[in-house]
N, C-alpha and C. Protein backbone atom coordinates (compact mmCIF):
# COMPACT_ATOMS: atom_id res chain seq x y z
N MET A 1 0.85 -1.17 0.00
CA MET A 1 0.01 0.00 0.00
C MET A 1 0.90 1.24 0.00
N LYS A 2 0.57 2.23 -0.91
CA LYS A 2 1.35 3.45 -1.05
C LYS A 2 0.85 4.49 -0.07
N LYS A 3 1.79 5.29 0.45
CA LYS A 3 1.40 6.39 1.33
C LYS A 3 1.27 7.64 0.50
N GLY A 4 0.37 8.62 0.94
CA GLY A 4 0.21 9.88 0.24
C GLY A 4 -1.20 10.02 -0.35
N PHE A 5 -1.38 11.07 -1.12
CA PHE A 5 -2.70 11.38 -1.69
C PHE A 5 -2.64 11.15 -3.18
N SER A 6 -3.78 10.75 -3.73
CA SER A 6 -3.88 10.59 -5.19
C SER A 6 -4.12 11.96 -5.82
N LEU A 7 -3.94 12.00 -7.10
CA LEU A 7 -4.14 13.24 -7.84
C LEU A 7 -5.60 13.73 -7.72
N VAL A 8 -6.55 12.85 -7.74
CA VAL A 8 -7.95 13.21 -7.60
C VAL A 8 -8.23 13.83 -6.23
N GLU A 9 -7.67 13.25 -5.17
CA GLU A 9 -7.85 13.78 -3.86
C GLU A 9 -7.27 15.21 -3.75
N LEU A 10 -6.11 15.39 -4.33
CA LEU A 10 -5.49 16.75 -4.31
C LEU A 10 -6.33 17.74 -5.09
N LEU A 11 -6.86 17.38 -6.22
CA LEU A 11 -7.70 18.26 -7.01
C LEU A 11 -8.99 18.63 -6.29
N VAL A 12 -9.59 17.67 -5.61
CA VAL A 12 -10.83 17.93 -4.84
C VAL A 12 -10.49 18.88 -3.68
N ALA A 13 -9.39 18.68 -2.99
CA ALA A 13 -8.99 19.56 -1.88
C ALA A 13 -8.73 20.97 -2.39
N LEU A 14 -8.05 21.09 -3.52
CA LEU A 14 -7.78 22.43 -4.10
C LEU A 14 -9.06 23.12 -4.53
N ALA A 15 -10.02 22.39 -5.07
CA ALA A 15 -11.29 22.97 -5.50
C ALA A 15 -12.05 23.47 -4.27
N ILE A 16 -12.09 22.67 -3.20
CA ILE A 16 -12.78 23.12 -1.98
C ILE A 16 -12.08 24.36 -1.40
N PHE A 17 -10.76 24.35 -1.35
CA PHE A 17 -10.00 25.49 -0.86
C PHE A 17 -10.28 26.73 -1.71
N GLY A 18 -10.35 26.58 -3.02
CA GLY A 18 -10.61 27.71 -3.92
C GLY A 18 -11.99 28.28 -3.71
N LEU A 19 -13.00 27.44 -3.50
CA LEU A 19 -14.36 27.94 -3.25
C LEU A 19 -14.43 28.68 -1.91
N LEU A 20 -13.80 28.15 -0.89
CA LEU A 20 -13.81 28.81 0.41
C LEU A 20 -13.06 30.16 0.34
N ALA A 21 -11.93 30.15 -0.33
CA ALA A 21 -11.15 31.40 -0.46
C ALA A 21 -11.93 32.47 -1.23
N ALA A 22 -12.64 32.08 -2.29
CA ALA A 22 -13.43 33.02 -3.06
C ALA A 22 -14.58 33.59 -2.22
N ALA A 23 -15.23 32.79 -1.43
CA ALA A 23 -16.31 33.24 -0.59
C ALA A 23 -15.78 34.22 0.47
N ILE A 24 -14.69 33.89 1.08
CA ILE A 24 -14.09 34.77 2.12
C ILE A 24 -13.64 36.09 1.49
N LEU A 25 -12.99 36.02 0.34
CA LEU A 25 -12.50 37.21 -0.32
C LEU A 25 -13.66 38.13 -0.72
N SER A 26 -14.73 37.57 -1.23
CA SER A 26 -15.89 38.39 -1.63
C SER A 26 -16.52 39.05 -0.40
N GLY A 27 -16.58 38.35 0.72
CA GLY A 27 -17.07 38.94 1.95
C GLY A 27 -16.18 40.09 2.42
N LEU A 28 -14.87 39.90 2.33
CA LEU A 28 -13.95 40.96 2.77
C LEU A 28 -14.08 42.19 1.85
N LEU A 29 -14.24 42.00 0.57
CA LEU A 29 -14.40 43.13 -0.34
C LEU A 29 -15.70 43.90 -0.03
N GLY A 30 -16.73 43.17 0.32
CA GLY A 30 -17.98 43.80 0.73
C GLY A 30 -17.80 44.64 2.00
N ILE A 31 -17.07 44.11 2.93
CA ILE A 31 -16.79 44.84 4.20
C ILE A 31 -15.97 46.07 3.87
N PHE A 32 -15.00 46.01 2.99
CA PHE A 32 -14.20 47.19 2.64
C PHE A 32 -15.07 48.30 1.98
N ARG A 33 -16.02 47.88 1.13
CA ARG A 33 -16.92 48.85 0.48
C ARG A 33 -17.81 49.53 1.53
N VAL A 34 -18.36 48.78 2.44
CA VAL A 34 -19.20 49.34 3.50
C VAL A 34 -18.40 50.28 4.39
N ASN A 35 -17.15 49.88 4.73
CA ASN A 35 -16.28 50.72 5.53
C ASN A 35 -15.96 52.04 4.81
N ARG A 36 -15.67 52.00 3.54
CA ARG A 36 -15.37 53.22 2.79
C ARG A 36 -16.60 54.14 2.73
N SER A 37 -17.78 53.52 2.53
CA SER A 37 -19.00 54.32 2.49
C SER A 37 -19.31 54.95 3.86
N ALA A 38 -19.11 54.17 4.90
CA ALA A 38 -19.35 54.70 6.26
C ALA A 38 -18.35 55.80 6.57
N GLY A 39 -17.14 55.68 6.12
CA GLY A 39 -16.12 56.74 6.31
C GLY A 39 -16.51 58.02 5.63
N ALA A 40 -17.00 57.92 4.38
CA ALA A 40 -17.43 59.11 3.65
C ALA A 40 -18.63 59.74 4.32
N GLU A 41 -19.55 58.94 4.79
CA GLU A 41 -20.72 59.47 5.50
C GLU A 41 -20.32 60.18 6.80
N ALA A 42 -19.42 59.59 7.51
CA ALA A 42 -18.96 60.19 8.80
C ALA A 42 -18.26 61.54 8.50
N ARG A 43 -17.45 61.56 7.43
CA ARG A 43 -16.77 62.79 7.05
C ARG A 43 -17.79 63.87 6.67
N ALA A 44 -18.83 63.48 5.94
CA ALA A 44 -19.86 64.44 5.56
C ALA A 44 -20.60 65.00 6.79
N VAL A 45 -20.87 64.16 7.78
CA VAL A 45 -21.52 64.62 8.99
C VAL A 45 -20.67 65.63 9.73
N VAL A 46 -19.36 65.33 9.83
CA VAL A 46 -18.45 66.25 10.52
C VAL A 46 -18.38 67.62 9.79
N VAL A 47 -18.26 67.58 8.47
CA VAL A 47 -18.22 68.82 7.71
C VAL A 47 -19.50 69.63 7.86
N ALA A 48 -20.62 68.93 7.74
CA ALA A 48 -21.93 69.63 7.84
C ALA A 48 -22.17 70.18 9.24
N LYS A 49 -21.88 69.40 10.25
CA LYS A 49 -22.10 69.87 11.61
C LYS A 49 -21.24 71.09 11.90
N ASP A 50 -19.97 71.04 11.49
CA ASP A 50 -19.09 72.18 11.71
C ASP A 50 -19.60 73.43 11.01
N TYR A 51 -19.97 73.27 9.70
CA TYR A 51 -20.37 74.44 8.97
C TYR A 51 -21.69 74.99 9.41
N LEU A 52 -22.71 74.14 9.62
CA LEU A 52 -24.02 74.63 9.99
C LEU A 52 -24.01 75.32 11.37
N GLU A 53 -23.18 74.83 12.28
CA GLU A 53 -23.08 75.51 13.58
C GLU A 53 -22.36 76.83 13.44
N ARG A 54 -21.33 76.90 12.59
CA ARG A 54 -20.67 78.19 12.40
C ARG A 54 -21.57 79.16 11.63
N ALA A 55 -22.41 78.63 10.70
CA ALA A 55 -23.34 79.49 9.98
C ALA A 55 -24.34 80.08 10.95
N ARG A 56 -24.80 79.32 11.89
CA ARG A 56 -25.77 79.82 12.88
C ARG A 56 -25.12 80.90 13.77
N ARG A 57 -23.88 80.66 14.19
CA ARG A 57 -23.20 81.62 15.08
C ARG A 57 -22.66 82.83 14.33
N ALA A 58 -22.04 82.65 13.16
CA ALA A 58 -21.31 83.72 12.50
C ALA A 58 -22.08 84.34 11.32
N GLY A 59 -23.20 83.71 10.91
CA GLY A 59 -23.95 84.28 9.81
C GLY A 59 -24.64 85.57 10.24
N THR A 60 -24.75 86.49 9.29
CA THR A 60 -25.44 87.76 9.59
C THR A 60 -26.64 87.89 8.68
N TYR A 61 -27.72 88.42 9.25
CA TYR A 61 -28.97 88.56 8.52
C TYR A 61 -29.41 90.02 8.70
N SER A 62 -29.43 90.72 7.59
CA SER A 62 -29.83 92.12 7.58
C SER A 62 -30.74 92.38 6.41
N GLY A 63 -31.94 92.93 6.69
CA GLY A 63 -32.91 93.16 5.63
C GLY A 63 -33.36 91.87 5.03
N THR A 64 -32.95 91.62 3.80
CA THR A 64 -33.31 90.35 3.15
C THR A 64 -32.05 89.56 2.73
N THR A 65 -30.90 89.94 3.31
CA THR A 65 -29.64 89.28 2.91
C THR A 65 -29.08 88.51 4.09
N LEU A 66 -28.84 87.24 3.83
CA LEU A 66 -28.16 86.34 4.82
C LEU A 66 -26.73 86.11 4.31
N ARG A 67 -25.75 86.44 5.10
CA ARG A 67 -24.36 86.20 4.77
C ARG A 67 -23.83 85.07 5.61
N LEU A 68 -23.35 84.05 4.93
CA LEU A 68 -22.84 82.86 5.61
C LEU A 68 -21.32 82.80 5.49
N PRO A 69 -20.64 82.25 6.46
CA PRO A 69 -19.17 82.21 6.46
C PRO A 69 -18.64 81.21 5.44
N SER A 70 -17.32 81.29 5.22
CA SER A 70 -16.68 80.29 4.35
C SER A 70 -16.47 79.02 5.11
N PHE A 71 -16.14 77.96 4.43
CA PHE A 71 -15.89 76.69 5.03
C PHE A 71 -14.46 76.63 5.59
N THR A 72 -14.28 76.01 6.73
CA THR A 72 -12.92 75.72 7.21
C THR A 72 -12.40 74.48 6.55
N GLN A 73 -13.31 73.58 6.15
CA GLN A 73 -12.96 72.34 5.47
C GLN A 73 -14.15 71.86 4.67
N THR A 74 -13.91 71.24 3.53
CA THR A 74 -15.03 70.67 2.78
C THR A 74 -14.93 69.15 2.72
N GLY A 75 -13.85 68.59 3.23
CA GLY A 75 -13.71 67.13 3.24
C GLY A 75 -13.65 66.52 1.88
N GLY A 76 -13.33 67.34 0.86
CA GLY A 76 -13.30 66.81 -0.50
C GLY A 76 -14.65 66.74 -1.19
N PHE A 77 -15.68 67.28 -0.59
CA PHE A 77 -17.02 67.22 -1.13
C PHE A 77 -17.28 68.48 -2.00
N LYS A 78 -18.13 68.28 -3.00
CA LYS A 78 -18.66 69.41 -3.78
C LYS A 78 -19.80 69.97 -2.92
N VAL A 79 -19.88 71.31 -2.78
CA VAL A 79 -20.81 71.93 -1.84
C VAL A 79 -21.85 72.75 -2.57
N ALA A 80 -23.11 72.68 -2.09
CA ALA A 80 -24.20 73.54 -2.55
C ALA A 80 -24.96 74.02 -1.32
N VAL A 81 -25.25 75.32 -1.29
CA VAL A 81 -25.93 75.91 -0.12
C VAL A 81 -27.20 76.57 -0.61
N ARG A 82 -28.33 76.30 0.09
CA ARG A 82 -29.58 76.96 -0.17
C ARG A 82 -30.11 77.53 1.15
N ALA A 83 -30.84 78.61 1.08
CA ALA A 83 -31.36 79.21 2.29
C ALA A 83 -32.79 79.72 2.08
N GLY A 84 -33.51 79.88 3.15
CA GLY A 84 -34.86 80.39 3.10
C GLY A 84 -35.27 80.85 4.49
N GLY A 85 -36.49 81.27 4.59
CA GLY A 85 -36.98 81.74 5.90
C GLY A 85 -38.47 81.60 5.99
N ARG A 86 -38.96 81.85 7.20
CA ARG A 86 -40.39 81.88 7.43
C ARG A 86 -40.69 82.71 8.67
N LEU A 87 -41.93 83.13 8.81
CA LEU A 87 -42.31 83.98 9.93
C LEU A 87 -42.68 83.12 11.16
N SER A 88 -43.22 81.92 10.93
CA SER A 88 -43.59 81.06 12.05
C SER A 88 -43.31 79.60 11.65
N PRO A 89 -43.17 78.73 12.65
CA PRO A 89 -42.88 77.32 12.37
C PRO A 89 -43.96 76.61 11.56
N SER A 90 -45.20 77.16 11.56
CA SER A 90 -46.28 76.52 10.84
C SER A 90 -46.25 76.82 9.32
N GLN A 91 -45.46 77.82 8.90
CA GLN A 91 -45.39 78.19 7.51
C GLN A 91 -44.37 77.32 6.78
N PRO A 92 -44.55 77.09 5.48
CA PRO A 92 -43.56 76.37 4.74
C PRO A 92 -42.31 77.23 4.45
N VAL A 93 -41.19 76.56 4.18
CA VAL A 93 -39.95 77.26 3.87
C VAL A 93 -39.71 77.09 2.37
N SER A 94 -39.40 78.18 1.69
CA SER A 94 -39.03 78.16 0.30
C SER A 94 -37.52 78.43 0.20
N LEU A 95 -36.78 77.43 -0.16
CA LEU A 95 -35.30 77.56 -0.21
C LEU A 95 -34.85 78.03 -1.57
N ARG A 96 -33.85 78.92 -1.60
CA ARG A 96 -33.25 79.41 -2.85
C ARG A 96 -31.77 79.21 -2.78
N ASP A 97 -31.16 79.04 -3.96
CA ASP A 97 -29.69 78.86 -4.04
C ASP A 97 -29.00 80.12 -3.55
N CYS A 98 -27.89 79.91 -2.86
CA CYS A 98 -27.07 81.01 -2.38
C CYS A 98 -25.89 81.21 -3.36
N LEU A 99 -25.42 82.45 -3.47
CA LEU A 99 -24.27 82.76 -4.33
C LEU A 99 -23.00 82.79 -3.49
N GLY A 100 -21.96 82.25 -4.09
CA GLY A 100 -20.66 82.26 -3.40
C GLY A 100 -19.93 80.96 -3.61
N SER A 101 -18.97 80.73 -2.76
CA SER A 101 -18.17 79.51 -2.86
C SER A 101 -17.71 79.10 -1.44
N PRO A 102 -17.26 77.87 -1.29
CA PRO A 102 -16.77 77.44 0.01
C PRO A 102 -15.63 78.28 0.56
N THR A 103 -14.81 78.86 -0.31
CA THR A 103 -13.66 79.61 0.16
C THR A 103 -13.99 81.09 0.44
N THR A 104 -15.02 81.62 -0.15
CA THR A 104 -15.38 83.04 0.07
C THR A 104 -16.61 83.24 0.95
N GLY A 105 -17.38 82.21 1.16
CA GLY A 105 -18.62 82.34 1.91
C GLY A 105 -19.79 82.50 0.94
N TYR A 106 -20.98 82.65 1.50
CA TYR A 106 -22.18 82.67 0.68
C TYR A 106 -23.05 83.89 1.02
N THR A 107 -23.73 84.40 0.01
CA THR A 107 -24.73 85.43 0.19
C THR A 107 -26.06 84.90 -0.31
N CYS A 108 -27.07 84.98 0.57
CA CYS A 108 -28.38 84.39 0.24
C CYS A 108 -29.45 85.46 0.36
N SER A 109 -30.39 85.41 -0.56
CA SER A 109 -31.53 86.32 -0.49
C SER A 109 -32.64 85.59 0.26
N VAL A 110 -32.99 86.09 1.44
CA VAL A 110 -34.01 85.47 2.29
C VAL A 110 -35.00 86.53 2.72
N SER A 111 -36.25 86.35 2.32
CA SER A 111 -37.30 87.29 2.74
C SER A 111 -38.59 86.55 2.94
N CYS A 112 -39.49 87.15 3.69
CA CYS A 112 -40.77 86.55 3.96
C CYS A 112 -41.85 87.53 3.57
N ALA A 113 -42.98 87.00 3.11
CA ALA A 113 -44.09 87.86 2.69
C ALA A 113 -45.09 87.94 3.85
N GLN A 114 -45.47 89.16 4.13
CA GLN A 114 -46.53 89.40 5.13
C GLN A 114 -47.56 90.29 4.46
N GLY A 115 -48.60 89.65 4.02
CA GLY A 115 -49.59 90.37 3.23
C GLY A 115 -48.96 90.70 1.87
N ALA A 116 -49.00 92.00 1.51
CA ALA A 116 -48.43 92.41 0.22
C ALA A 116 -46.99 92.90 0.38
N SER A 117 -46.50 92.96 1.57
CA SER A 117 -45.14 93.48 1.75
C SER A 117 -44.13 92.39 2.10
N THR A 118 -42.87 92.69 1.84
CA THR A 118 -41.76 91.78 2.15
C THR A 118 -41.12 92.23 3.45
N VAL A 119 -40.95 91.31 4.37
CA VAL A 119 -40.38 91.62 5.67
C VAL A 119 -39.26 90.63 5.99
N ALA A 120 -38.49 90.98 7.04
CA ALA A 120 -37.41 90.07 7.52
C ALA A 120 -38.10 88.84 8.12
N CYS A 121 -37.47 87.71 7.99
CA CYS A 121 -38.01 86.45 8.52
C CYS A 121 -37.62 86.28 9.99
N SER A 122 -38.47 85.60 10.74
CA SER A 122 -38.17 85.34 12.11
C SER A 122 -37.47 84.00 12.33
N LEU A 123 -37.51 83.14 11.30
CA LEU A 123 -36.76 81.88 11.32
C LEU A 123 -35.98 81.75 10.02
N LEU A 124 -34.72 81.40 10.15
CA LEU A 124 -33.83 81.19 8.99
C LEU A 124 -33.55 79.71 8.83
N ALA A 125 -33.48 79.23 7.60
CA ALA A 125 -33.18 77.84 7.34
C ALA A 125 -32.06 77.73 6.29
N VAL A 126 -31.12 76.86 6.54
CA VAL A 126 -30.04 76.61 5.59
C VAL A 126 -30.01 75.14 5.27
N GLU A 127 -29.95 74.84 3.96
CA GLU A 127 -29.79 73.45 3.52
C GLU A 127 -28.43 73.30 2.89
N LEU A 128 -27.66 72.34 3.34
CA LEU A 128 -26.32 72.11 2.87
C LEU A 128 -26.29 70.75 2.18
N THR A 129 -25.84 70.74 0.92
CA THR A 129 -25.73 69.50 0.18
C THR A 129 -24.25 69.24 -0.11
N LEU A 130 -23.79 68.06 0.28
CA LEU A 130 -22.41 67.65 0.03
C LEU A 130 -22.44 66.47 -0.91
N GLU A 131 -21.67 66.56 -1.98
CA GLU A 131 -21.64 65.49 -2.99
C GLU A 131 -20.21 64.99 -3.16
N GLY A 132 -20.07 63.68 -3.07
CA GLY A 132 -18.75 63.07 -3.24
C GLY A 132 -18.80 61.58 -2.98
N SER A 133 -17.79 60.89 -3.44
CA SER A 133 -17.71 59.45 -3.24
C SER A 133 -18.92 58.72 -3.81
N GLY A 134 -19.50 59.31 -4.88
CA GLY A 134 -20.66 58.67 -5.49
C GLY A 134 -21.95 58.82 -4.72
N ARG A 135 -21.98 59.64 -3.69
CA ARG A 135 -23.16 59.80 -2.85
C ARG A 135 -23.44 61.28 -2.66
N THR A 136 -24.69 61.59 -2.33
CA THR A 136 -25.10 62.94 -2.00
C THR A 136 -25.73 62.96 -0.62
N TYR A 137 -25.23 63.86 0.18
CA TYR A 137 -25.70 64.01 1.58
C TYR A 137 -26.33 65.40 1.73
N THR A 138 -27.51 65.47 2.31
CA THR A 138 -28.18 66.75 2.52
C THR A 138 -28.46 66.96 4.01
N PHE A 139 -28.12 68.14 4.48
CA PHE A 139 -28.28 68.50 5.87
C PHE A 139 -29.06 69.79 5.97
N TYR A 140 -29.78 69.99 7.08
CA TYR A 140 -30.69 71.11 7.20
C TYR A 140 -30.56 71.67 8.64
N ARG A 141 -30.54 72.98 8.75
CA ARG A 141 -30.50 73.61 10.07
C ARG A 141 -31.39 74.85 10.03
N GLU A 142 -32.13 75.08 11.10
CA GLU A 142 -33.02 76.21 11.19
C GLU A 142 -32.80 76.90 12.52
N TRP A 143 -32.86 78.26 12.53
CA TRP A 143 -32.62 79.00 13.75
C TRP A 143 -33.27 80.35 13.68
N ARG A 144 -33.39 81.01 14.85
CA ARG A 144 -33.90 82.38 14.92
C ARG A 144 -32.69 83.34 14.84
N PRO A 145 -32.80 84.35 13.97
CA PRO A 145 -31.68 85.28 13.85
C PRO A 145 -31.53 86.18 15.06
């Protein structure tokens, strides 16, 4: 009787090993994709939280013009800012695009209608959209000026 494995036994063992390795590798690649996506989402949350809090503290609202600060960081995201206002929480908000850039800050036209006249709003709203890594993240903050 010979000691060792036959060629068929070796081929079967290699086939089983190959199938297991492929399954494990595909699972690992899925984990890496989820991790990368979660990292981008966490980065977007940090950028948005930092900016929207600074916008609330450092933004100035005079007449119908809301001036928002520049970004300290964009996290590599493409940025879009919209703003609007309303007189009371029960009214809808109509958001309009703001002019500017992340490096210079933004100027937004924000006004509210009271009857036939235009007045300053008692609530300001800013919508921040961050686009990058194949995803779009939208954040919203509202405050009293």
